[in-house]
Amino acid sequence: MLRPQGRSASVSTGGGRGRPAGLLHLHHSSVARRLEQIGKILGIDLTEPTGLTRAGLALTAWRLLDG
């Protein structure tokens, strides 16, 4: 599972695989697989703009609530 910084890297870079993979020091296929798993669990498509927006809003709310 992607750690919070991984989720943030993916959402903040527009959902691509290459840039978040570089930021996280992971292979792009590892990032893609993990994002697919997260999307299935959440019931959203993280490859679509709407899914990325929802994920970004959720991360923002989580950060605000976490302190």
PDB file of N, CA and C in Angstrom:
ATOM      1  N   MET A   1       0.857  -1.178   0.000  1.00  0.00           N
ATOM      2  CA  MET A   1       0.000   0.000   0.000  1.00  0.00           C
ATOM      3  C   MET A   1       0.898   1.235   0.000  1.00  0.00           C
ATOM      4  N   LEU A   2       0.471   2.254  -0.731  1.00  0.00           N
ATOM      5  CA  LEU A   2       1.235   3.495  -0.741  1.00  0.00           C
ATOM      6  C   LEU A   2       1.083   4.214   0.585  1.00  0.00           C
ATOM      7  N   ARG A   3       2.170   4.695   1.095  1.00  0.00           N
ATOM      8  CA  ARG A   3       2.138   5.508   2.311  1.00  0.00           C
ATOM      9  C   ARG A   3       1.555   6.874   1.969  1.00  0.00           C
ATOM     10  N   PRO A   4       1.221   7.690   2.983  1.00  0.00           N
ATOM     11  CA  PRO A   4       0.643   9.006   2.691  1.00  0.00           C
ATOM     12  C   PRO A   4       1.452   9.824   1.687  1.00  0.00           C
ATOM     13  N   GLN A   5       2.779   9.803   1.787  1.00  0.00           N
ATOM     14  CA  GLN A   5       3.575  10.574   0.840  1.00  0.00           C
ATOM     15  C   GLN A   5       3.442  10.021  -0.566  1.00  0.00           C
ATOM     16  N   GLY A   6       3.199   8.731  -0.693  1.00  0.00           N
ATOM     17  CA  GLY A   6       2.986   8.123  -2.009  1.00  0.00           C
ATOM     18  C   GLY A   6       1.667   8.539  -2.612  1.00  0.00           C
ATOM     19  N   ARG A   7       0.632   8.537  -1.809  1.00  0.00           N
ATOM     20  CA  ARG A   7      -0.676   8.978  -2.294  1.00  0.00           C
ATOM     21  C   ARG A   7      -0.590  10.436  -2.710  1.00  0.00           C
ATOM     22  N   SER A   8       0.070  11.228  -1.910  1.00  0.00           N
ATOM     23  CA  SER A   8       0.209  12.640  -2.203  1.00  0.00           C
ATOM     24  C   SER A   8       1.009  12.848  -3.487  1.00  0.00           C
ATOM     25  N   ALA A   9       2.078  12.114  -3.658  1.00  0.00           N
ATOM     26  CA  ALA A   9       2.917  12.247  -4.857  1.00  0.00           C
ATOM     27  C   ALA A   9       2.123  11.928  -6.102  1.00  0.00           C
ATOM     28  N   SER A  10       1.313  10.902  -6.043  1.00  0.00           N
ATOM     29  CA  SER A  10       0.541  10.516  -7.209  1.00  0.00           C
ATOM     30  C   SER A  10      -0.516  11.551  -7.555  1.00  0.00           C
ATOM     31  N   VAL A  11      -1.251  12.002  -6.557  1.00  0.00           N
ATOM     32  CA  VAL A  11      -2.307  12.980  -6.797  1.00  0.00           C
ATOM     33  C   VAL A  11      -1.721  14.314  -7.223  1.00  0.00           C
ATOM     34  N   SER A  12      -0.676  14.768  -6.559  1.00  0.00           N
ATOM     35  CA  SER A  12      -0.120  16.090  -6.850  1.00  0.00           C
ATOM     36  C   SER A  12       0.575  16.150  -8.204  1.00  0.00           C
ATOM     37  N   THR A  13       0.950  15.010  -8.761  1.00  0.00           N
ATOM     38  CA  THR A  13       1.595  15.011 -10.073  1.00  0.00           C
ATOM     39  C   THR A  13       0.621  14.649 -11.182  1.00  0.00           C
ATOM     40  N   GLY A  14      -0.659  14.648 -10.879  1.00  0.00           N
ATOM     41  CA  GLY A  14      -1.656  14.426 -11.914  1.00  0.00           C
ATOM     42  C   GLY A  14      -1.956  12.980 -12.203  1.00  0.00           C
ATOM     43  N   GLY A  15      -1.534  12.092 -11.357  1.00  0.00           N
ATOM     44  CA  GLY A  15      -1.885  10.690 -11.502  1.00  0.00           C
ATOM     45  C   GLY A  15      -1.013   9.883 -12.438  1.00  0.00           C
ATOM     46  N   GLY A  16       0.020  10.505 -13.014  1.00  0.00           N
ATOM     47  CA  GLY A  16       0.932   9.748 -13.849  1.00  0.00           C
ATOM     48  C   GLY A  16       1.727   8.770 -13.015  1.00  0.00           C
ATOM     49  N   ARG A  17       2.437   7.883 -13.684  1.00  0.00           N
ATOM     50  CA  ARG A  17       3.208   6.870 -12.951  1.00  0.00           C
ATOM     51  C   ARG A  17       4.679   7.224 -12.817  1.00  0.00           C
ATOM     52  N   GLY A  18       5.239   7.807 -13.859  1.00  0.00           N
ATOM     53  CA  GLY A  18       6.678   8.036 -13.894  1.00  0.00           C
ATOM     54  C   GLY A  18       7.182   9.002 -12.846  1.00  0.00           C
ATOM     55  N   ARG A  19       6.555  10.155 -12.764  1.00  0.00           N
ATOM     56  CA  ARG A  19       7.041  11.158 -11.812  1.00  0.00           C
ATOM     57  C   ARG A  19       6.871  10.717 -10.357  1.00  0.00           C
ATOM     58  N   PRO A  20       5.682  10.216  -9.959  1.00  0.00           N
ATOM     59  CA  PRO A  20       5.562   9.732  -8.577  1.00  0.00           C
ATOM     60  C   PRO A  20       6.539   8.590  -8.287  1.00  0.00           C
ATOM     61  N   ALA A  21       6.762   7.726  -9.272  1.00  0.00           N
ATOM     62  CA  ALA A  21       7.689   6.613  -9.072  1.00  0.00           C
ATOM     63  C   ALA A  21       9.081   7.140  -8.767  1.00  0.00           C
ATOM     64  N   GLY A  22       9.502   8.167  -9.485  1.00  0.00           N
ATOM     65  CA  GLY A  22      10.811   8.764  -9.231  1.00  0.00           C
ATOM     66  C   GLY A  22      10.887   9.418  -7.860  1.00  0.00           C
ATOM     67  N   LEU A  23       9.818  10.117  -7.488  1.00  0.00           N
ATOM     68  CA  LEU A  23       9.799  10.767  -6.172  1.00  0.00           C
ATOM     69  C   LEU A  23       9.835   9.749  -5.037  1.00  0.00           C
ATOM     70  N   LEU A  24       9.226   8.591  -5.270  1.00  0.00           N
ATOM     71  CA  LEU A  24       9.130   7.562  -4.232  1.00  0.00           C
ATOM     72  C   LEU A  24      10.227   6.503  -4.344  1.00  0.00           C
ATOM     73  N   HIS A  25      11.053   6.597  -5.377  1.00  0.00           N
ATOM     74  CA  HIS A  25      12.114   5.617  -5.624  1.00  0.00           C
ATOM     75  C   HIS A  25      11.533   4.222  -5.821  1.00  0.00           C
ATOM     76  N   LEU A  26      10.447   4.160  -6.609  1.00  0.00           N
ATOM     77  CA  LEU A  26       9.793   2.901  -6.949  1.00  0.00           C
ATOM     78  C   LEU A  26       9.720   2.783  -8.463  1.00  0.00           C
ATOM     79  N   HIS A  27       9.555   1.565  -8.954  1.00  0.00           N
ATOM     80  CA  HIS A  27       9.351   1.334 -10.376  1.00  0.00           C
ATOM     81  C   HIS A  27       7.945   1.781 -10.740  1.00  0.00           C
ATOM     82  N   HIS A  28       7.782   2.328 -11.958  1.00  0.00           N
ATOM     83  CA  HIS A  28       6.468   2.850 -12.354  1.00  0.00           C
ATOM     84  C   HIS A  28       5.384   1.776 -12.325  1.00  0.00           C
ATOM     85  N   SER A  29       5.731   0.522 -12.597  1.00  0.00           N
ATOM     86  CA  SER A  29       4.714  -0.534 -12.556  1.00  0.00           C
ATOM     87  C   SER A  29       4.276  -0.823 -11.123  1.00  0.00           C
ATOM     88  N   SER A  30       5.175  -0.634 -10.157  1.00  0.00           N
ATOM     89  CA  SER A  30       4.803  -0.799  -8.741  1.00  0.00           C
ATOM     90  C   SER A  30       3.809   0.281  -8.333  1.00  0.00           C
ATOM     91  N   VAL A  31       4.056   1.517  -8.778  1.00  0.00           N
ATOM     92  CA  VAL A  31       3.136   2.615  -8.478  1.00  0.00           C
ATOM     93  C   VAL A  31       1.785   2.347  -9.127  1.00  0.00           C
ATOM     94  N   ALA A  32       1.793   1.903 -10.383  1.00  0.00           N
ATOM     95  CA  ALA A  32       0.539   1.624 -11.094  1.00  0.00           C
ATOM     96  C   ALA A  32      -0.261   0.536 -10.380  1.00  0.00           C
ATOM     97  N   ARG A  33       0.405  -0.529  -9.967  1.00  0.00           N
ATOM     98  CA  ARG A  33      -0.276  -1.632  -9.280  1.00  0.00           C
ATOM     99  C   ARG A  33      -0.877  -1.164  -7.962  1.00  0.00           C
ATOM    100  N   ARG A  34      -0.130  -0.387  -7.216  1.00  0.00           N
ATOM    101  CA  ARG A  34      -0.621   0.092  -5.925  1.00  0.00           C
ATOM    102  C   ARG A  34      -1.783   1.065  -6.095  1.00  0.00           C
ATOM    103  N   LEU A  35      -1.697   1.932  -7.093  1.00  0.00           N
ATOM    104  CA  LEU A  35      -2.795   2.859  -7.348  1.00  0.00           C
ATOM    105  C   LEU A  35      -4.055   2.106  -7.783  1.00  0.00           C
ATOM    106  N   GLU A  36      -3.876   1.067  -8.564  1.00  0.00           N
ATOM    107  CA  GLU A  36      -5.017   0.248  -8.978  1.00  0.00           C
ATOM    108  C   GLU A  36      -5.669  -0.406  -7.765  1.00  0.00           C
ATOM    109  N   GLN A  37      -4.859  -0.933  -6.852  1.00  0.00           N
ATOM    110  CA  GLN A  37      -5.390  -1.554  -5.632  1.00  0.00           C
ATOM    111  C   GLN A  37      -6.136  -0.527  -4.780  1.00  0.00           C
ATOM    112  N   ILE A  38      -5.567   0.650  -4.614  1.00  0.00           N
ATOM    113  CA  ILE A  38      -6.205   1.705  -3.824  1.00  0.00           C
ATOM    114  C   ILE A  38      -7.523   2.115  -4.479  1.00  0.00           C
ATOM    115  N   GLY A  39      -7.509   2.271  -5.791  1.00  0.00           N
ATOM    116  CA  GLY A  39      -8.721   2.639  -6.513  1.00  0.00           C
ATOM    117  C   GLY A  39      -9.830   1.614  -6.347  1.00  0.00           C
ATOM    118  N   LYS A  40      -9.476   0.335  -6.392  1.00  0.00           N
ATOM    119  CA  LYS A  40     -10.477  -0.719  -6.196  1.00  0.00           C
ATOM    120  C   LYS A  40     -11.063  -0.664  -4.794  1.00  0.00           C
ATOM    121  N   ILE A  41     -10.205  -0.467  -3.804  1.00  0.00           N
ATOM    122  CA  ILE A  41     -10.672  -0.400  -2.416  1.00  0.00           C
ATOM    123  C   ILE A  41     -11.606   0.796  -2.222  1.00  0.00           C
ATOM    124  N   LEU A  42     -11.241   1.942  -2.796  1.00  0.00           N
ATOM    125  CA  LEU A  42     -12.027   3.162  -2.629  1.00  0.00           C
ATOM    126  C   LEU A  42     -13.209   3.250  -3.585  1.00  0.00           C
ATOM    127  N   GLY A  43     -13.178   2.435  -4.624  1.00  0.00           N
ATOM    128  CA  GLY A  43     -14.250   2.479  -5.613  1.00  0.00           C
ATOM    129  C   GLY A  43     -14.170   3.670  -6.549  1.00  0.00           C
ATOM    130  N   ILE A  44     -12.937   4.154  -6.793  1.00  0.00           N
ATOM    131  CA  ILE A  44     -12.747   5.266  -7.727  1.00  0.00           C
ATOM    132  C   ILE A  44     -11.640   4.915  -8.715  1.00  0.00           C
ATOM    133  N   ASP A  45     -11.706   5.539  -9.890  1.00  0.00           N
ATOM    134  CA  ASP A  45     -10.696   5.311 -10.922  1.00  0.00           C
ATOM    135  C   ASP A  45      -9.654   6.419 -10.832  1.00  0.00           C
ATOM    136  N   LEU A  46      -8.474   6.076 -10.364  1.00  0.00           N
ATOM    137  CA  LEU A  46      -7.421   7.066 -10.168  1.00  0.00           C
ATOM    138  C   LEU A  46      -6.687   7.433 -11.451  1.00  0.00           C
ATOM    139  N   THR A  47      -7.145   6.897 -12.578  1.00  0.00           N
ATOM    140  CA  THR A  47      -6.574   7.293 -13.862  1.00  0.00           C
ATOM    141  C   THR A  47      -7.441   8.351 -14.538  1.00  0.00           C
ATOM    142  N   GLU A  48      -8.595   8.649 -13.970  1.00  0.00           N
ATOM    143  CA  GLU A  48      -9.521   9.642 -14.521  1.00  0.00           C
ATOM    144  C   GLU A  48      -9.423  10.951 -13.732  1.00  0.00           C
ATOM    145  N   PRO A  49      -9.621  12.084 -14.387  1.00  0.00           N
ATOM    146  CA  PRO A  49      -9.566  13.368 -13.685  1.00  0.00           C
ATOM    147  C   PRO A  49     -10.514  13.452 -12.491  1.00  0.00           C
ATOM    148  N   THR A  50     -11.717  12.911 -12.627  1.00  0.00           N
ATOM    149  CA  THR A  50     -12.679  12.954 -11.523  1.00  0.00           C
ATOM    150  C   THR A  50     -12.168  12.159 -10.332  1.00  0.00           C
ATOM    151  N   GLY A  51     -11.594  11.000 -10.585  1.00  0.00           N
ATOM    152  CA  GLY A  51     -11.041  10.179  -9.504  1.00  0.00           C
ATOM    153  C   GLY A  51      -9.885  10.870  -8.817  1.00  0.00           C
ATOM    154  N   LEU A  52      -9.034  11.521  -9.602  1.00  0.00           N
ATOM    155  CA  LEU A  52      -7.900  12.253  -9.021  1.00  0.00           C
ATOM    156  C   LEU A  52      -8.377  13.427  -8.181  1.00  0.00           C
ATOM    157  N   THR A  53      -9.423  14.102  -8.636  1.00  0.00           N
ATOM    158  CA  THR A  53      -9.973  15.219  -7.864  1.00  0.00           C
ATOM    159  C   THR A  53     -10.527  14.724  -6.539  1.00  0.00           C
ATOM    160  N   ARG A  54     -11.275  13.628  -6.587  1.00  0.00           N
ATOM    161  CA  ARG A  54     -11.832  13.061  -5.356  1.00  0.00           C
ATOM    162  C   ARG A  54     -10.720  12.645  -4.399  1.00  0.00           C
ATOM    163  N   ALA A  55      -9.684  12.027  -4.931  1.00  0.00           N
ATOM    164  CA  ALA A  55      -8.564  11.599  -4.089  1.00  0.00           C
ATOM    165  C   ALA A  55      -7.846  12.808  -3.501  1.00  0.00           C
ATOM    166  N   GLY A  56      -7.671  13.862  -4.296  1.00  0.00           N
ATOM    167  CA  GLY A  56      -7.027  15.073  -3.808  1.00  0.00           C
ATOM    168  C   GLY A  56      -7.821  15.735  -2.691  1.00  0.00           C
ATOM    169  N   LEU A  57      -9.140  15.785  -2.848  1.00  0.00           N
ATOM    170  CA  LEU A  57      -9.986  16.346  -1.799  1.00  0.00           C
ATOM    171  C   LEU A  57      -9.925  15.496  -0.532  1.00  0.00           C
ATOM    172  N   ALA A  58      -9.930  14.191  -0.698  1.00  0.00           N
ATOM    173  CA  ALA A  58      -9.844  13.296   0.462  1.00  0.00           C
ATOM    174  C   ALA A  58      -8.516  13.472   1.191  1.00  0.00           C
ATOM    175  N   LEU A  59      -7.418  13.610   0.445  1.00  0.00           N
ATOM    176  CA  LEU A  59      -6.112  13.821   1.077  1.00  0.00           C
ATOM    177  C   LEU A  59      -6.056  15.152   1.819  1.00  0.00           C
ATOM    178  N   THR A  60      -6.649  16.180   1.218  1.00  0.00           N
ATOM    179  CA  THR A  60      -6.680  17.484   1.870  1.00  0.00           C
ATOM    180  C   THR A  60      -7.464  17.412   3.188  1.00  0.00           C
ATOM    181  N   ALA A  61      -8.626  16.776   3.144  1.00  0.00           N
ATOM    182  CA  ALA A  61      -9.440  16.627   4.362  1.00  0.00           C
ATOM    183  C   ALA A  61      -8.687  15.830   5.410  1.00  0.00           C
ATOM    184  N   TRP A  62      -8.016  14.760   4.984  1.00  0.00           N
ATOM    185  CA  TRP A  62      -7.260  13.910   5.920  1.00  0.00           C
ATOM    186  C   TRP A  62      -6.156  14.721   6.600  1.00  0.00           C
ATOM    187  N   ARG A  63      -5.450  15.535   5.798  1.00  0.00           N
ATOM    188  CA  ARG A  63      -4.375  16.357   6.377  1.00  0.00           C
ATOM    189  C   ARG A  63      -4.911  17.379   7.367  1.00  0.00           C
ATOM    190  N   LEU A  64      -6.053  17.977   7.029  1.00  0.00           N
ATOM    191  CA  LEU A  64      -6.648  18.972   7.922  1.00  0.00           C
ATOM    192  C   LEU A  64      -7.099  18.334   9.234  1.00  0.00           C
ATOM    193  N   LEU A  65      -7.673  17.148   9.160  1.00  0.00           N
ATOM    194  CA  LEU A  65      -8.138  16.465  10.349  1.00  0.00           C
ATOM    195  C   LEU A  65      -7.002  15.880  11.172  1.00  0.00           C
ATOM    196  N   ASP A  66      -5.903  15.523  10.488  1.00  0.00           N
ATOM    197  CA  ASP A  66      -4.773  14.895  11.165  1.00  0.00           C
ATOM    198  C   ASP A  66      -3.932  15.919  11.920  1.00  0.00           C
ATOM    199  N   GLY A  67      -4.091  17.158  11.590  1.00  0.00           N
ATOM    200  CA  GLY A  67      -3.437  18.179  12.381  1.00  0.00           C
ATOM    201  C   GLY A  67      -2.322  18.868  11.740  1.00  0.00           C
TER     202      GLY A  67
END
